[in-house]
Amino acid sequence: MATLTYVYGDSTAVLGPLATLAEPHSYDLCAEHAARLTAPRGWEVVRLLPEFEPLAPSHDDLLALADAVREAGRPPEPAPAAEPVVAAGERRRGHLRVVHGEGDA
């Protein structure tokens, strides 16, 4: 793994060890893409490490994977039942509605 950072003013791409903090205009690359990186014509590539080796999973990676598997294994929660809409002057009993006419009360 490696982090690629661009220095536009100097037309330079810097490829170094994997960064621990996110920075604007920096991109993390796998070992294969770090090894095959090329820059636009007229740009220089500065490699701070000659070879980039893949990293083993960290404790945080394993916890994140376990949490994702646990979340995927949970049954979906049922959607809440919608409350029936009853217009003014109507009473609702089960699936039937009682509608009062003008003379009924």
N, C-alpha and C. Protein backbone atom coordinates (compact mmCIF):
# COMPACT_ATOMS: atom_id res chain seq x y z
N MET A 1 0.83 -1.16 0.00
CA MET A 1 0.00 0.00 0.00
C MET A 1 0.89 1.24 0.00
N ALA A 2 0.38 2.29 -0.64
CA ALA A 2 1.13 3.54 -0.71
C ALA A 2 0.16 4.69 -0.84
N THR A 3 0.63 5.89 -0.53
CA THR A 3 -0.18 7.09 -0.70
C THR A 3 0.45 7.95 -1.78
N LEU A 4 -0.38 8.38 -2.71
CA LEU A 4 0.05 9.24 -3.81
C LEU A 4 -0.42 10.66 -3.51
N THR A 5 0.51 11.61 -3.62
CA THR A 5 0.19 13.02 -3.41
C THR A 5 0.74 13.80 -4.60
N TYR A 6 -0.04 14.77 -5.06
CA TYR A 6 0.38 15.60 -6.19
C TYR A 6 0.86 16.95 -5.68
N VAL A 7 1.95 17.45 -6.29
CA VAL A 7 2.41 18.81 -6.06
C VAL A 7 2.30 19.50 -7.42
N TYR A 8 1.15 20.13 -7.65
CA TYR A 8 0.87 20.70 -8.97
C TYR A 8 1.87 21.76 -9.38
N GLY A 9 2.27 22.62 -8.43
CA GLY A 9 3.20 23.70 -8.76
C GLY A 9 4.53 23.20 -9.29
N ASP A 10 4.95 22.03 -8.82
CA ASP A 10 6.23 21.45 -9.24
C ASP A 10 6.06 20.36 -10.29
N SER A 11 4.82 20.08 -10.72
CA SER A 11 4.54 18.99 -11.65
C SER A 11 5.18 17.69 -11.15
N THR A 12 4.89 17.37 -9.89
CA THR A 12 5.50 16.21 -9.26
C THR A 12 4.44 15.35 -8.59
N ALA A 13 4.56 14.04 -8.76
CA ALA A 13 3.72 13.08 -8.05
C ALA A 13 4.62 12.39 -7.05
N VAL A 14 4.24 12.41 -5.78
CA VAL A 14 5.04 11.80 -4.72
C VAL A 14 4.33 10.54 -4.25
N LEU A 15 5.05 9.43 -4.29
CA LEU A 15 4.51 8.14 -3.88
C LEU A 15 5.29 7.68 -2.66
N GLY A 16 4.59 7.56 -1.53
CA GLY A 16 5.27 7.22 -0.30
C GLY A 16 4.50 6.21 0.52
N PRO A 17 4.93 5.99 1.76
CA PRO A 17 4.25 5.03 2.63
C PRO A 17 2.80 5.45 2.85
N LEU A 18 1.98 4.49 3.19
CA LEU A 18 0.56 4.73 3.43
C LEU A 18 0.40 5.78 4.52
N ALA A 19 -0.34 6.83 4.21
CA ALA A 19 -0.55 7.92 5.17
C ALA A 19 -1.49 7.47 6.28
N THR A 20 -1.30 8.01 7.46
CA THR A 20 -2.17 7.68 8.59
C THR A 20 -3.32 8.65 8.71
N LEU A 21 -3.22 9.80 8.07
CA LEU A 21 -4.29 10.80 8.09
C LEU A 21 -4.71 11.14 6.67
N ALA A 22 -5.99 11.43 6.49
CA ALA A 22 -6.49 11.81 5.17
C ALA A 22 -6.06 13.24 4.87
N GLU A 23 -5.55 13.45 3.69
CA GLU A 23 -5.12 14.77 3.24
C GLU A 23 -5.79 15.08 1.91
N PRO A 24 -6.10 16.35 1.67
CA PRO A 24 -6.67 16.69 0.35
C PRO A 24 -5.67 16.36 -0.76
N HIS A 25 -6.17 15.94 -1.87
CA HIS A 25 -5.37 15.62 -3.06
C HIS A 25 -4.38 14.48 -2.82
N SER A 26 -4.71 13.56 -1.91
CA SER A 26 -3.88 12.38 -1.75
C SER A 26 -4.76 11.15 -1.94
N TYR A 27 -4.18 10.10 -2.46
CA TYR A 27 -4.93 8.90 -2.82
C TYR A 27 -4.15 7.67 -2.37
N ASP A 28 -4.84 6.75 -1.74
CA ASP A 28 -4.20 5.50 -1.32
C ASP A 28 -4.26 4.50 -2.46
N LEU A 29 -3.15 3.83 -2.72
CA LEU A 29 -3.04 2.86 -3.80
C LEU A 29 -2.63 1.50 -3.24
N CYS A 30 -3.11 0.45 -3.90
CA CYS A 30 -2.64 -0.89 -3.54
C CYS A 30 -1.21 -1.05 -4.07
N ALA A 31 -0.54 -2.12 -3.65
CA ALA A 31 0.86 -2.33 -4.04
C ALA A 31 1.01 -2.45 -5.55
N GLU A 32 0.07 -3.14 -6.21
CA GLU A 32 0.16 -3.32 -7.67
C GLU A 32 0.07 -1.98 -8.40
N HIS A 33 -0.90 -1.14 -8.03
CA HIS A 33 -1.04 0.15 -8.70
C HIS A 33 0.09 1.10 -8.34
N ALA A 34 0.62 1.02 -7.12
CA ALA A 34 1.76 1.85 -6.75
C ALA A 34 2.99 1.50 -7.60
N ALA A 35 3.17 0.22 -7.86
CA ALA A 35 4.33 -0.21 -8.65
C ALA A 35 4.21 0.20 -10.12
N ARG A 36 2.97 0.25 -10.64
CA ARG A 36 2.76 0.55 -12.06
C ARG A 36 2.46 2.02 -12.34
N LEU A 37 2.51 2.88 -11.33
CA LEU A 37 2.13 4.28 -11.48
C LEU A 37 3.00 5.00 -12.51
N THR A 38 2.36 5.73 -13.38
CA THR A 38 3.05 6.64 -14.29
C THR A 38 2.41 8.01 -14.14
N ALA A 39 3.14 9.05 -14.49
CA ALA A 39 2.64 10.42 -14.38
C ALA A 39 2.50 11.02 -15.77
N PRO A 40 1.75 12.10 -15.88
CA PRO A 40 1.62 12.76 -17.19
C PRO A 40 2.98 13.22 -17.73
N ARG A 41 3.04 13.40 -19.04
CA ARG A 41 4.28 13.86 -19.69
C ARG A 41 4.70 15.19 -19.07
N GLY A 42 5.97 15.31 -18.73
CA GLY A 42 6.50 16.53 -18.13
C GLY A 42 6.47 16.51 -16.61
N TRP A 43 5.86 15.51 -16.04
CA TRP A 43 5.81 15.39 -14.58
C TRP A 43 6.89 14.43 -14.11
N GLU A 44 7.32 14.61 -12.87
CA GLU A 44 8.29 13.72 -12.25
C GLU A 44 7.58 12.89 -11.18
N VAL A 45 7.94 11.61 -11.06
CA VAL A 45 7.42 10.75 -10.00
C VAL A 45 8.54 10.53 -8.99
N VAL A 46 8.29 10.92 -7.74
CA VAL A 46 9.25 10.71 -6.67
C VAL A 46 8.74 9.54 -5.84
N ARG A 47 9.52 8.47 -5.79
CA ARG A 47 9.16 7.28 -5.02
C ARG A 47 9.99 7.27 -3.75
N LEU A 48 9.31 7.42 -2.61
CA LEU A 48 10.01 7.47 -1.33
C LEU A 48 10.41 6.08 -0.86
N LEU A 49 9.75 5.05 -1.35
CA LEU A 49 10.10 3.66 -1.06
C LEU A 49 10.28 2.93 -2.38
N PRO A 50 11.31 2.12 -2.52
CA PRO A 50 11.50 1.43 -3.80
C PRO A 50 10.43 0.38 -4.08
N GLU A 51 9.94 -0.30 -3.04
CA GLU A 51 8.92 -1.33 -3.21
C GLU A 51 7.83 -1.15 -2.17
N PHE A 52 6.60 -1.42 -2.57
CA PHE A 52 5.47 -1.28 -1.67
C PHE A 52 4.87 -2.66 -1.45
N GLU A 53 4.87 -3.08 -0.20
CA GLU A 53 4.35 -4.40 0.13
C GLU A 53 2.93 -4.28 0.67
N PRO A 54 2.08 -5.27 0.36
CA PRO A 54 0.73 -5.23 0.92
C PRO A 54 0.77 -5.36 2.44
N LEU A 55 -0.13 -4.64 3.09
CA LEU A 55 -0.21 -4.70 4.54
C LEU A 55 -1.15 -5.81 4.98
N ALA A 56 -0.83 -6.41 6.13
CA ALA A 56 -1.73 -7.41 6.72
C ALA A 56 -2.91 -6.68 7.34
N PRO A 57 -4.06 -7.35 7.45
CA PRO A 57 -5.22 -6.69 8.07
C PRO A 57 -4.90 -6.26 9.50
N SER A 58 -5.35 -5.07 9.86
CA SER A 58 -5.14 -4.58 11.23
C SER A 58 -6.28 -5.03 12.13
N HIS A 59 -6.15 -4.79 13.40
CA HIS A 59 -7.20 -5.11 14.37
C HIS A 59 -8.48 -4.35 14.02
N ASP A 60 -8.35 -3.07 13.63
CA ASP A 60 -9.52 -2.27 13.25
C ASP A 60 -10.20 -2.84 12.00
N ASP A 61 -9.41 -3.32 11.04
CA ASP A 61 -9.98 -3.93 9.83
C ASP A 61 -10.82 -5.15 10.19
N LEU A 62 -10.29 -5.98 11.08
CA LEU A 62 -11.00 -7.19 11.48
C LEU A 62 -12.28 -6.87 12.25
N LEU A 63 -12.24 -5.85 13.11
CA LEU A 63 -13.45 -5.44 13.83
C LEU A 63 -14.51 -4.90 12.87
N ALA A 64 -14.08 -4.10 11.90
CA ALA A 64 -15.02 -3.56 10.92
C ALA A 64 -15.66 -4.68 10.11
N LEU A 65 -14.88 -5.68 9.73
CA LEU A 65 -15.41 -6.81 8.99
C LEU A 65 -16.40 -7.60 9.84
N ALA A 66 -16.08 -7.83 11.11
CA ALA A 66 -16.99 -8.56 12.00
C ALA A 66 -18.30 -7.79 12.18
N ASP A 67 -18.21 -6.48 12.33
CA ASP A 67 -19.43 -5.67 12.47
C ASP A 67 -20.29 -5.74 11.21
N ALA A 68 -19.66 -5.70 10.05
CA ALA A 68 -20.41 -5.76 8.79
C ALA A 68 -21.10 -7.12 8.63
N VAL A 69 -20.42 -8.21 8.99
CA VAL A 69 -21.02 -9.54 8.89
C VAL A 69 -22.18 -9.66 9.87
N ARG A 70 -22.01 -9.15 11.08
CA ARG A 70 -23.07 -9.19 12.08
C ARG A 70 -24.29 -8.41 11.61
N GLU A 71 -24.07 -7.24 11.05
CA GLU A 71 -25.17 -6.40 10.55
C GLU A 71 -25.89 -7.08 9.39
N ALA A 72 -25.14 -7.71 8.51
CA ALA A 72 -25.75 -8.39 7.35
C ALA A 72 -26.57 -9.61 7.79
N GLY A 73 -26.23 -10.22 8.92
CA GLY A 73 -26.92 -11.41 9.40
C GLY A 73 -28.20 -11.11 10.16
N ARG A 74 -28.42 -9.84 10.51
CA ARG A 74 -29.64 -9.49 11.25
C ARG A 74 -30.84 -9.54 10.33
N PRO A 75 -31.98 -10.06 10.85
CA PRO A 75 -33.19 -10.03 10.03
C PRO A 75 -33.66 -8.58 9.85
N PRO A 76 -34.25 -8.28 8.71
CA PRO A 76 -34.70 -6.90 8.48
C PRO A 76 -35.84 -6.55 9.45
N GLU A 77 -35.84 -5.31 9.89
CA GLU A 77 -36.90 -4.84 10.77
C GLU A 77 -38.16 -4.59 9.94
N PRO A 78 -39.33 -5.02 10.46
CA PRO A 78 -40.56 -4.79 9.70
C PRO A 78 -40.86 -3.29 9.62
N ALA A 79 -41.44 -2.90 8.51
CA ALA A 79 -41.80 -1.50 8.32
C ALA A 79 -42.97 -1.18 9.25
N PRO A 80 -42.99 0.01 9.83
CA PRO A 80 -44.09 0.36 10.71
C PRO A 80 -45.40 0.43 9.93
N ALA A 81 -46.49 -0.04 10.56
CA ALA A 81 -47.79 -0.02 9.91
C ALA A 81 -48.28 1.42 9.79
N ALA A 82 -48.83 1.74 8.64
CA ALA A 82 -49.34 3.09 8.42
C ALA A 82 -50.67 3.24 9.13
N GLU A 83 -50.86 4.39 9.74
CA GLU A 83 -52.13 4.68 10.41
C GLU A 83 -53.18 4.96 9.33
N PRO A 84 -54.38 4.40 9.48
CA PRO A 84 -55.42 4.67 8.48
C PRO A 84 -55.85 6.14 8.51
N VAL A 85 -56.12 6.66 7.34
CA VAL A 85 -56.56 8.04 7.23
C VAL A 85 -58.08 8.04 7.26
N VAL A 86 -58.63 8.78 8.20
CA VAL A 86 -60.08 8.85 8.36
C VAL A 86 -60.49 10.30 8.17
N ALA A 87 -61.43 10.52 7.25
CA ALA A 87 -61.90 11.88 6.98
C ALA A 87 -62.79 12.34 8.12
N ALA A 88 -62.97 13.65 8.22
CA ALA A 88 -63.83 14.21 9.26
C ALA A 88 -65.25 13.69 9.09
N GLY A 89 -65.89 13.33 10.16
CA GLY A 89 -67.27 12.83 10.11
C GLY A 89 -67.36 11.34 9.91
N GLU A 90 -66.24 10.65 9.80
CA GLU A 90 -66.24 9.20 9.61
C GLU A 90 -65.71 8.53 10.87
N ARG A 91 -66.26 7.38 11.17
CA ARG A 91 -65.72 6.51 12.21
C ARG A 91 -65.24 5.25 11.53
N ARG A 92 -64.19 4.70 12.02
CA ARG A 92 -63.63 3.51 11.38
C ARG A 92 -63.72 2.34 12.33
N ARG A 93 -64.26 1.22 11.85
CA ARG A 93 -64.32 -0.03 12.60
C ARG A 93 -63.75 -1.13 11.71
N GLY A 94 -62.57 -1.59 12.03
CA GLY A 94 -61.97 -2.65 11.23
C GLY A 94 -61.79 -2.17 9.80
N HIS A 95 -62.34 -2.95 8.86
CA HIS A 95 -62.21 -2.58 7.45
C HIS A 95 -63.45 -1.86 6.93
N LEU A 96 -64.46 -1.64 7.78
CA LEU A 96 -65.69 -0.97 7.38
C LEU A 96 -65.68 0.47 7.87
N ARG A 97 -66.34 1.34 7.12
CA ARG A 97 -66.48 2.72 7.51
C ARG A 97 -67.95 3.05 7.67
N VAL A 98 -68.28 3.83 8.66
CA VAL A 98 -69.64 4.31 8.85
C VAL A 98 -69.64 5.77 8.46
N VAL A 99 -70.43 6.10 7.43
CA VAL A 99 -70.51 7.47 6.96
C VAL A 99 -71.88 8.00 7.34
N HIS A 100 -71.95 9.06 8.08
CA HIS A 100 -73.21 9.64 8.51
C HIS A 100 -73.70 10.61 7.46
N GLY A 101 -74.97 10.49 7.12
CA GLY A 101 -75.58 11.44 6.20
C GLY A 101 -75.98 12.69 6.95
N GLU A 102 -76.62 13.63 6.23
CA GLU A 102 -76.99 14.89 6.87
C GLU A 102 -78.04 14.70 7.91
N GLY A 103 -79.01 13.77 7.74
CA GLY A 103 -80.07 13.56 8.72
C GLY A 103 -79.66 12.63 9.84
N ASP A 104 -78.56 11.88 9.66
CA ASP A 104 -78.13 10.91 10.70
C ASP A 104 -77.21 11.60 11.70
N ALA A 105 -77.27 11.10 12.90
CA ALA A 105 -76.34 11.65 13.88
C ALA A 105 -75.75 10.58 14.73
